[in-house]
Amino acid sequence: MTQVELTALERVVLIEARPETIFPFFTDADLWSQWGGVGTLDPRPGGIFRSAVNSTHIASGEFVEVEPPHRVVFTWGWEGEDSAVPPGSSTVEVTLTPQGEHTTLRLIHRDLPNPQEATGHTAGWDHYLERLQILGAGGDPGADAWAQEDRRNDD
């Protein structure tokens, strides 16, 4: 049997808002859609997680843990037969820690199948977390340029 080396990535960002403000951006489909793609979210263990970056690049999985306002865990993968990271095959853990009136957001994306996938997903999370930082601080990140691209993070 062939062994697969699984890879993880970690991103940490400071957001100028309290965890109570940021947490709903991971559990409310309307808020998710402002920064992370058009979402279908049922934020309870076993509930659906689905985010369409655009019409052909759709991530899906399910919620594993939902602990307002400090932690959310969901599975992740790309829909499509050619996906190197199939739906639900990896796990995203988000922890929100208060820092005065701000929040330290720590995102760990585990179980990616190889370093190349970790690199691609790192670029994706950097892009979307920057949008969330702007929203959390009360700004407008504008239209997501990636929503119009034929882009896939699992290639």
N, C-alpha and C. Protein backbone atom coordinates (compact mmCIF):
# COMPACT_ATOMS: atom_id res chain seq x y z
N MET A 1 0.84 -1.18 0.00
CA MET A 1 0.00 0.00 0.00
C MET A 1 0.89 1.25 0.00
N THR A 2 0.56 2.21 -0.83
CA THR A 2 1.32 3.45 -0.93
C THR A 2 0.94 4.39 0.21
N GLN A 3 1.95 4.95 0.85
CA GLN A 3 1.71 5.92 1.91
C GLN A 3 1.59 7.32 1.30
N VAL A 4 0.61 8.07 1.74
CA VAL A 4 0.44 9.45 1.29
C VAL A 4 0.87 10.36 2.43
N GLU A 5 1.77 11.29 2.12
CA GLU A 5 2.20 12.25 3.12
C GLU A 5 1.22 13.42 3.13
N LEU A 6 0.53 13.59 4.24
CA LEU A 6 -0.43 14.69 4.34
C LEU A 6 0.28 15.93 4.86
N THR A 7 -0.17 17.08 4.38
CA THR A 7 0.47 18.35 4.66
C THR A 7 -0.54 19.32 5.26
N ALA A 8 -0.05 20.23 6.08
CA ALA A 8 -0.91 21.25 6.68
C ALA A 8 -0.32 22.62 6.41
N LEU A 9 -1.18 23.63 6.51
CA LEU A 9 -0.73 25.01 6.43
C LEU A 9 -1.35 25.78 7.58
N GLU A 10 -0.71 26.85 7.97
CA GLU A 10 -1.22 27.68 9.06
C GLU A 10 -1.08 29.15 8.66
N ARG A 11 -2.13 29.92 8.91
CA ARG A 11 -2.13 31.36 8.68
C ARG A 11 -2.62 32.02 9.97
N VAL A 12 -1.99 33.12 10.36
CA VAL A 12 -2.39 33.89 11.53
C VAL A 12 -2.50 35.34 11.10
N VAL A 13 -3.66 35.95 11.36
CA VAL A 13 -3.86 37.36 11.02
C VAL A 13 -4.53 38.07 12.19
N LEU A 14 -4.29 39.36 12.30
CA LEU A 14 -4.94 40.20 13.29
C LEU A 14 -6.06 40.96 12.59
N ILE A 15 -7.24 40.92 13.18
CA ILE A 15 -8.40 41.61 12.61
C ILE A 15 -8.88 42.65 13.61
N GLU A 16 -9.16 43.84 13.13
CA GLU A 16 -9.58 44.95 13.98
C GLU A 16 -11.06 44.85 14.31
N ALA A 17 -11.42 43.79 15.02
CA ALA A 17 -12.79 43.57 15.49
C ALA A 17 -12.75 42.45 16.52
N ARG A 18 -13.75 42.38 17.35
CA ARG A 18 -13.84 41.34 18.39
C ARG A 18 -14.26 40.00 17.77
N PRO A 19 -13.94 38.88 18.44
CA PRO A 19 -14.36 37.57 17.95
C PRO A 19 -15.87 37.47 17.69
N GLU A 20 -16.68 38.12 18.51
CA GLU A 20 -18.13 38.10 18.33
C GLU A 20 -18.55 38.70 16.99
N THR A 21 -17.75 39.62 16.48
CA THR A 21 -18.02 40.22 15.17
C THR A 21 -17.54 39.31 14.04
N ILE A 22 -16.40 38.68 14.24
CA ILE A 22 -15.78 37.87 13.18
C ILE A 22 -16.42 36.50 13.04
N PHE A 23 -16.79 35.86 14.14
CA PHE A 23 -17.30 34.49 14.09
C PHE A 23 -18.44 34.30 13.09
N PRO A 24 -19.44 35.18 13.04
CA PRO A 24 -20.54 34.97 12.08
C PRO A 24 -20.10 34.96 10.61
N PHE A 25 -18.94 35.51 10.29
CA PHE A 25 -18.45 35.46 8.92
C PHE A 25 -18.12 34.03 8.49
N PHE A 26 -18.05 33.11 9.45
CA PHE A 26 -17.81 31.69 9.16
C PHE A 26 -19.07 30.83 9.25
N THR A 27 -20.17 31.41 9.73
CA THR A 27 -21.37 30.59 9.96
C THR A 27 -22.63 31.14 9.30
N ASP A 28 -22.60 32.36 8.85
CA ASP A 28 -23.76 32.99 8.20
C ASP A 28 -23.46 33.09 6.69
N ALA A 29 -24.29 32.46 5.88
CA ALA A 29 -24.03 32.39 4.43
C ALA A 29 -23.94 33.78 3.80
N ASP A 30 -24.78 34.71 4.23
CA ASP A 30 -24.73 36.06 3.66
C ASP A 30 -23.41 36.75 3.99
N LEU A 31 -22.94 36.59 5.22
CA LEU A 31 -21.66 37.19 5.61
C LEU A 31 -20.49 36.48 4.93
N TRP A 32 -20.54 35.15 4.87
CA TRP A 32 -19.48 34.39 4.17
C TRP A 32 -19.35 34.88 2.73
N SER A 33 -20.48 35.10 2.09
CA SER A 33 -20.49 35.50 0.67
C SER A 33 -19.85 36.87 0.44
N GLN A 34 -19.70 37.67 1.48
CA GLN A 34 -19.06 38.97 1.33
C GLN A 34 -17.54 38.87 1.21
N TRP A 35 -16.99 37.70 1.58
CA TRP A 35 -15.53 37.58 1.54
C TRP A 35 -15.03 36.25 0.99
N GLY A 36 -15.81 35.17 1.10
CA GLY A 36 -15.25 33.86 0.83
C GLY A 36 -15.91 33.07 -0.27
N GLY A 37 -16.71 33.67 -1.11
CA GLY A 37 -17.43 32.92 -2.13
C GLY A 37 -18.89 32.78 -1.75
N VAL A 38 -19.72 32.38 -2.69
CA VAL A 38 -21.15 32.24 -2.41
C VAL A 38 -21.33 30.97 -1.58
N GLY A 39 -21.81 31.17 -0.35
CA GLY A 39 -21.85 30.06 0.58
C GLY A 39 -23.22 29.47 0.82
N THR A 40 -23.23 28.16 1.06
CA THR A 40 -24.38 27.45 1.60
C THR A 40 -23.85 26.83 2.88
N LEU A 41 -24.31 27.33 4.02
CA LEU A 41 -23.76 26.92 5.30
C LEU A 41 -24.87 26.48 6.26
N ASP A 42 -24.66 25.36 6.90
CA ASP A 42 -25.54 24.87 7.97
C ASP A 42 -24.62 24.60 9.16
N PRO A 43 -24.34 25.66 9.95
CA PRO A 43 -23.27 25.60 10.96
C PRO A 43 -23.65 24.81 12.22
N ARG A 44 -23.66 23.51 12.07
CA ARG A 44 -23.85 22.58 13.19
C ARG A 44 -23.07 21.32 12.82
N PRO A 45 -22.60 20.56 13.81
CA PRO A 45 -21.87 19.34 13.47
C PRO A 45 -22.67 18.47 12.50
N GLY A 46 -22.05 18.13 11.38
CA GLY A 46 -22.70 17.35 10.33
C GLY A 46 -23.42 18.18 9.30
N GLY A 47 -23.53 19.50 9.54
CA GLY A 47 -24.21 20.40 8.60
C GLY A 47 -23.33 20.73 7.41
N ILE A 48 -23.96 21.10 6.31
CA ILE A 48 -23.26 21.34 5.05
C ILE A 48 -22.40 22.60 5.11
N PHE A 49 -21.23 22.49 4.49
CA PHE A 49 -20.38 23.62 4.19
C PHE A 49 -20.15 23.57 2.69
N ARG A 50 -20.50 24.63 1.99
CA ARG A 50 -20.29 24.68 0.54
C ARG A 50 -20.04 26.13 0.14
N SER A 51 -18.99 26.35 -0.63
CA SER A 51 -18.61 27.70 -1.03
C SER A 51 -18.20 27.70 -2.50
N ALA A 52 -18.94 28.46 -3.30
CA ALA A 52 -18.65 28.57 -4.73
C ALA A 52 -17.78 29.81 -4.95
N VAL A 53 -16.52 29.58 -5.28
CA VAL A 53 -15.63 30.69 -5.62
C VAL A 53 -16.13 31.32 -6.92
N ASN A 54 -16.49 30.45 -7.87
CA ASN A 54 -17.13 30.86 -9.11
C ASN A 54 -17.95 29.66 -9.59
N SER A 55 -18.45 29.69 -10.80
CA SER A 55 -19.37 28.64 -11.24
C SER A 55 -18.71 27.27 -11.41
N THR A 56 -17.40 27.22 -11.51
CA THR A 56 -16.73 25.94 -11.72
C THR A 56 -15.83 25.51 -10.56
N HIS A 57 -15.61 26.35 -9.59
CA HIS A 57 -14.69 26.05 -8.48
C HIS A 57 -15.45 26.14 -7.17
N ILE A 58 -15.86 24.96 -6.70
CA ILE A 58 -16.75 24.88 -5.56
C ILE A 58 -16.11 23.98 -4.50
N ALA A 59 -15.94 24.53 -3.31
CA ALA A 59 -15.41 23.77 -2.18
C ALA A 59 -16.57 23.27 -1.35
N SER A 60 -16.47 22.03 -0.87
CA SER A 60 -17.54 21.51 -0.04
C SER A 60 -17.02 20.54 1.00
N GLY A 61 -17.82 20.40 2.04
CA GLY A 61 -17.53 19.52 3.15
C GLY A 61 -18.66 19.62 4.15
N GLU A 62 -18.31 19.50 5.42
CA GLU A 62 -19.33 19.65 6.45
C GLU A 62 -18.71 20.23 7.71
N PHE A 63 -19.55 20.86 8.51
CA PHE A 63 -19.10 21.40 9.78
C PHE A 63 -18.85 20.25 10.75
N VAL A 64 -17.76 20.37 11.51
CA VAL A 64 -17.39 19.36 12.49
C VAL A 64 -17.61 19.90 13.91
N GLU A 65 -17.15 21.12 14.16
CA GLU A 65 -17.31 21.78 15.46
C GLU A 65 -17.70 23.23 15.23
N VAL A 66 -18.62 23.71 16.06
CA VAL A 66 -19.04 25.11 16.01
C VAL A 66 -19.17 25.57 17.46
N GLU A 67 -18.22 26.41 17.89
CA GLU A 67 -18.16 26.89 19.26
C GLU A 67 -18.10 28.42 19.27
N PRO A 68 -19.29 29.07 19.15
CA PRO A 68 -19.31 30.54 19.10
C PRO A 68 -18.76 31.13 20.40
N PRO A 69 -18.04 32.23 20.32
CA PRO A 69 -17.53 32.91 19.13
C PRO A 69 -16.05 32.65 18.90
N HIS A 70 -15.56 31.46 19.29
CA HIS A 70 -14.12 31.27 19.31
C HIS A 70 -13.56 30.19 18.38
N ARG A 71 -14.40 29.27 17.90
CA ARG A 71 -13.81 28.17 17.13
C ARG A 71 -14.84 27.58 16.18
N VAL A 72 -14.36 27.29 14.97
CA VAL A 72 -15.18 26.58 13.99
C VAL A 72 -14.25 25.65 13.21
N VAL A 73 -14.73 24.43 12.97
CA VAL A 73 -13.97 23.43 12.23
C VAL A 73 -14.89 22.85 11.17
N PHE A 74 -14.38 22.78 9.93
CA PHE A 74 -15.17 22.18 8.86
C PHE A 74 -14.25 21.42 7.93
N THR A 75 -14.82 20.41 7.26
CA THR A 75 -14.04 19.69 6.26
C THR A 75 -14.13 20.46 4.95
N TRP A 76 -13.19 20.15 4.05
CA TRP A 76 -13.00 20.96 2.85
C TRP A 76 -12.49 20.10 1.71
N GLY A 77 -12.90 20.42 0.52
CA GLY A 77 -12.35 19.82 -0.70
C GLY A 77 -13.06 20.40 -1.89
N TRP A 78 -12.50 20.18 -3.07
CA TRP A 78 -13.02 20.74 -4.31
C TRP A 78 -13.90 19.73 -5.02
N GLU A 79 -15.08 20.16 -5.43
CA GLU A 79 -15.96 19.31 -6.22
C GLU A 79 -15.35 19.11 -7.61
N GLY A 80 -15.61 17.97 -8.20
CA GLY A 80 -15.10 17.66 -9.53
C GLY A 80 -14.29 16.37 -9.51
N GLU A 81 -14.43 15.62 -10.56
CA GLU A 81 -13.77 14.31 -10.63
C GLU A 81 -12.25 14.38 -10.62
N ASP A 82 -11.68 15.49 -11.11
CA ASP A 82 -10.22 15.59 -11.21
C ASP A 82 -9.57 16.23 -9.99
N SER A 83 -10.32 16.43 -8.93
CA SER A 83 -9.80 17.14 -7.76
C SER A 83 -8.76 16.33 -7.00
N ALA A 84 -7.61 16.95 -6.73
CA ALA A 84 -6.59 16.34 -5.89
C ALA A 84 -6.99 16.38 -4.42
N VAL A 85 -7.92 17.29 -4.10
CA VAL A 85 -8.45 17.43 -2.74
C VAL A 85 -9.97 17.30 -2.84
N PRO A 86 -10.50 16.07 -2.81
CA PRO A 86 -11.94 15.87 -2.98
C PRO A 86 -12.74 16.43 -1.81
N PRO A 87 -14.03 16.70 -2.00
CA PRO A 87 -14.88 17.25 -0.94
C PRO A 87 -14.74 16.47 0.37
N GLY A 88 -14.55 17.22 1.45
CA GLY A 88 -14.49 16.63 2.77
C GLY A 88 -13.19 15.94 3.12
N SER A 89 -12.18 15.97 2.25
CA SER A 89 -10.96 15.20 2.48
C SER A 89 -9.91 15.93 3.32
N SER A 90 -10.08 17.23 3.53
CA SER A 90 -9.17 17.98 4.38
C SER A 90 -9.99 18.71 5.43
N THR A 91 -9.31 19.27 6.42
CA THR A 91 -10.01 19.91 7.54
C THR A 91 -9.46 21.30 7.77
N VAL A 92 -10.37 22.26 7.95
CA VAL A 92 -10.01 23.65 8.25
C VAL A 92 -10.46 23.95 9.68
N GLU A 93 -9.52 24.41 10.50
CA GLU A 93 -9.81 24.78 11.88
C GLU A 93 -9.53 26.27 12.03
N VAL A 94 -10.51 27.02 12.52
CA VAL A 94 -10.37 28.46 12.73
C VAL A 94 -10.56 28.74 14.21
N THR A 95 -9.58 29.42 14.81
CA THR A 95 -9.65 29.81 16.21
C THR A 95 -9.57 31.32 16.29
N LEU A 96 -10.48 31.93 17.03
CA LEU A 96 -10.53 33.38 17.20
C LEU A 96 -10.21 33.71 18.66
N THR A 97 -9.12 34.46 18.88
CA THR A 97 -8.68 34.80 20.23
C THR A 97 -8.71 36.31 20.39
N PRO A 98 -9.42 36.81 21.43
CA PRO A 98 -9.46 38.26 21.63
C PRO A 98 -8.09 38.81 22.00
N GLN A 99 -7.80 39.98 21.43
CA GLN A 99 -6.59 40.75 21.74
C GLN A 99 -7.05 42.18 21.96
N GLY A 100 -7.53 42.49 23.15
CA GLY A 100 -8.14 43.79 23.41
C GLY A 100 -9.40 43.90 22.57
N GLU A 101 -9.48 44.92 21.75
CA GLU A 101 -10.64 45.10 20.87
C GLU A 101 -10.44 44.44 19.51
N HIS A 102 -9.35 43.73 19.35
CA HIS A 102 -9.04 43.04 18.09
C HIS A 102 -9.12 41.53 18.28
N THR A 103 -8.90 40.80 17.19
CA THR A 103 -8.95 39.34 17.22
C THR A 103 -7.76 38.77 16.48
N THR A 104 -7.10 37.80 17.10
CA THR A 104 -6.12 37.01 16.37
C THR A 104 -6.85 35.81 15.80
N LEU A 105 -6.84 35.71 14.48
CA LEU A 105 -7.46 34.58 13.78
C LEU A 105 -6.35 33.62 13.38
N ARG A 106 -6.48 32.39 13.82
CA ARG A 106 -5.52 31.33 13.46
C ARG A 106 -6.28 30.28 12.65
N LEU A 107 -5.82 30.07 11.43
CA LEU A 107 -6.44 29.09 10.54
C LEU A 107 -5.42 28.00 10.27
N ILE A 108 -5.81 26.75 10.51
CA ILE A 108 -4.97 25.60 10.17
C ILE A 108 -5.77 24.75 9.20
N HIS A 109 -5.17 24.48 8.05
CA HIS A 109 -5.80 23.63 7.04
C HIS A 109 -4.97 22.35 6.97
N ARG A 110 -5.56 21.25 7.45
CA ARG A 110 -4.86 19.97 7.58
C ARG A 110 -5.27 18.98 6.49
N ASP A 111 -4.46 17.95 6.36
CA ASP A 111 -4.76 16.78 5.52
C ASP A 111 -4.74 17.07 4.03
N LEU A 112 -3.97 18.07 3.63
CA LEU A 112 -3.76 18.30 2.20
C LEU A 112 -2.81 17.22 1.70
N PRO A 113 -3.00 16.72 0.48
CA PRO A 113 -2.27 15.52 0.06
C PRO A 113 -0.80 15.71 -0.26
N ASN A 114 -0.33 16.96 -0.44
CA ASN A 114 1.08 17.15 -0.80
C ASN A 114 1.46 18.63 -0.63
N PRO A 115 2.75 18.94 -0.64
CA PRO A 115 3.19 20.32 -0.47
C PRO A 115 2.66 21.27 -1.55
N GLN A 116 2.48 20.78 -2.78
CA GLN A 116 1.96 21.64 -3.84
C GLN A 116 0.54 22.11 -3.51
N GLU A 117 -0.27 21.23 -2.97
CA GLU A 117 -1.63 21.62 -2.58
C GLU A 117 -1.59 22.61 -1.43
N ALA A 118 -0.67 22.40 -0.49
CA ALA A 118 -0.53 23.35 0.61
C ALA A 118 -0.15 24.73 0.09
N THR A 119 0.74 24.79 -0.89
CA THR A 119 1.14 26.08 -1.47
C THR A 119 -0.05 26.76 -2.15
N GLY A 120 -0.79 26.03 -2.96
CA GLY A 120 -1.96 26.60 -3.63
C GLY A 120 -3.02 27.06 -2.66
N HIS A 121 -3.27 26.27 -1.63
CA HIS A 121 -4.29 26.64 -0.65
C HIS A 121 -3.82 27.80 0.23
N THR A 122 -2.50 27.89 0.47
CA THR A 122 -1.97 29.04 1.21
C THR A 122 -2.27 30.33 0.46
N ALA A 123 -2.04 30.34 -0.84
CA ALA A 123 -2.35 31.54 -1.65
C ALA A 123 -3.84 31.87 -1.57
N GLY A 124 -4.68 30.85 -1.62
CA GLY A 124 -6.12 31.07 -1.53
C GLY A 124 -6.52 31.65 -0.18
N TRP A 125 -6.04 31.02 0.90
CA TRP A 125 -6.41 31.54 2.22
C TRP A 125 -5.86 32.94 2.44
N ASP A 126 -4.65 33.23 1.97
CA ASP A 126 -4.11 34.60 2.10
C ASP A 126 -5.03 35.60 1.40
N HIS A 127 -5.48 35.25 0.21
CA HIS A 127 -6.38 36.12 -0.55
C HIS A 127 -7.67 36.38 0.23
N TYR A 128 -8.30 35.32 0.70
CA TYR A 128 -9.60 35.47 1.36
C TYR A 128 -9.49 36.04 2.77
N LEU A 129 -8.44 35.71 3.51
CA LEU A 129 -8.29 36.29 4.84
C LEU A 129 -8.02 37.79 4.77
N GLU A 130 -7.33 38.24 3.73
CA GLU A 130 -7.15 39.69 3.54
C GLU A 130 -8.52 40.36 3.35
N ARG A 131 -9.40 39.73 2.58
CA ARG A 131 -10.75 40.27 2.39
C ARG A 131 -11.50 40.31 3.72
N LEU A 132 -11.36 39.26 4.53
CA LEU A 132 -12.03 39.21 5.83
C LEU A 132 -11.48 40.28 6.78
N GLN A 133 -10.18 40.52 6.75
CA GLN A 133 -9.59 41.58 7.57
C GLN A 133 -10.23 42.93 7.25
N ILE A 134 -10.41 43.21 5.98
CA ILE A 134 -11.02 44.48 5.56
C ILE A 134 -12.46 44.56 6.06
N LEU A 135 -13.22 43.50 5.85
CA LEU A 135 -14.62 43.48 6.30
C LEU A 135 -14.72 43.60 7.81
N GLY A 136 -13.91 42.84 8.53
CA GLY A 136 -13.96 42.87 9.98
C GLY A 136 -13.70 44.24 10.56
N ALA A 137 -12.84 45.00 9.89
CA ALA A 137 -12.53 46.36 10.33
C ALA A 137 -13.57 47.37 9.87
N GLY A 138 -14.63 46.89 9.21
CA GLY A 138 -15.69 47.79 8.77
C GLY A 138 -15.53 48.31 7.36
N GLY A 139 -14.54 47.81 6.63
CA GLY A 139 -14.30 48.27 5.27
C GLY A 139 -15.03 47.42 4.23
N ASP A 140 -14.82 47.78 2.99
CA ASP A 140 -15.41 47.07 1.85
C ASP A 140 -14.28 46.52 0.99
N PRO A 141 -14.13 45.19 0.91
CA PRO A 141 -13.05 44.64 0.10
C PRO A 141 -13.32 44.72 -1.40
N GLY A 142 -14.50 45.15 -1.79
CA GLY A 142 -14.84 45.24 -3.20
C GLY A 142 -15.17 43.88 -3.78
N ALA A 143 -15.43 43.87 -5.07
CA ALA A 143 -15.75 42.62 -5.75
C ALA A 143 -14.52 41.70 -5.73
N ASP A 144 -14.77 40.42 -5.60
CA ASP A 144 -13.68 39.45 -5.59
C ASP A 144 -13.28 39.11 -7.03
N ALA A 145 -12.09 39.53 -7.41
CA ALA A 145 -11.61 39.27 -8.78
C ALA A 145 -11.57 37.77 -9.08
N TRP A 146 -11.32 36.94 -8.08
CA TRP A 146 -11.25 35.50 -8.31
C TRP A 146 -12.61 34.91 -8.67
N ALA A 147 -13.68 35.59 -8.30
CA ALA A 147 -15.02 35.07 -8.60
C ALA A 147 -15.26 35.03 -10.11
N GLN A 148 -14.53 35.84 -10.86
CA GLN A 148 -14.70 35.88 -12.31
C GLN A 148 -13.69 35.02 -13.05
N GLU A 149 -12.67 34.52 -12.33
CA GLU A 149 -11.61 33.76 -12.98
C GLU A 149 -11.94 32.28 -13.04
N ASP A 150 -11.33 31.62 -14.01
CA ASP A 150 -11.37 30.17 -14.06
C ASP A 150 -10.17 29.69 -13.29
N ARG A 151 -10.26 29.76 -11.97
CA ARG A 151 -9.14 29.49 -11.07
C ARG A 151 -9.47 28.28 -10.22
N ARG A 152 -8.46 27.47 -10.00
CA ARG A 152 -8.65 26.31 -9.14
C ARG A 152 -7.40 26.15 -8.28
N ASN A 153 -7.63 26.03 -6.97
CA ASN A 153 -6.51 25.90 -6.05
C ASN A 153 -5.99 24.49 -5.95
N ASP A 154 -6.62 23.53 -6.60
CA ASP A 154 -6.16 22.15 -6.45
C ASP A 154 -5.42 21.64 -7.66
N ASP A 155 -5.08 22.51 -8.58
CA ASP A 155 -4.33 22.08 -9.78
C ASP A 155 -2.86 22.08 -9.51
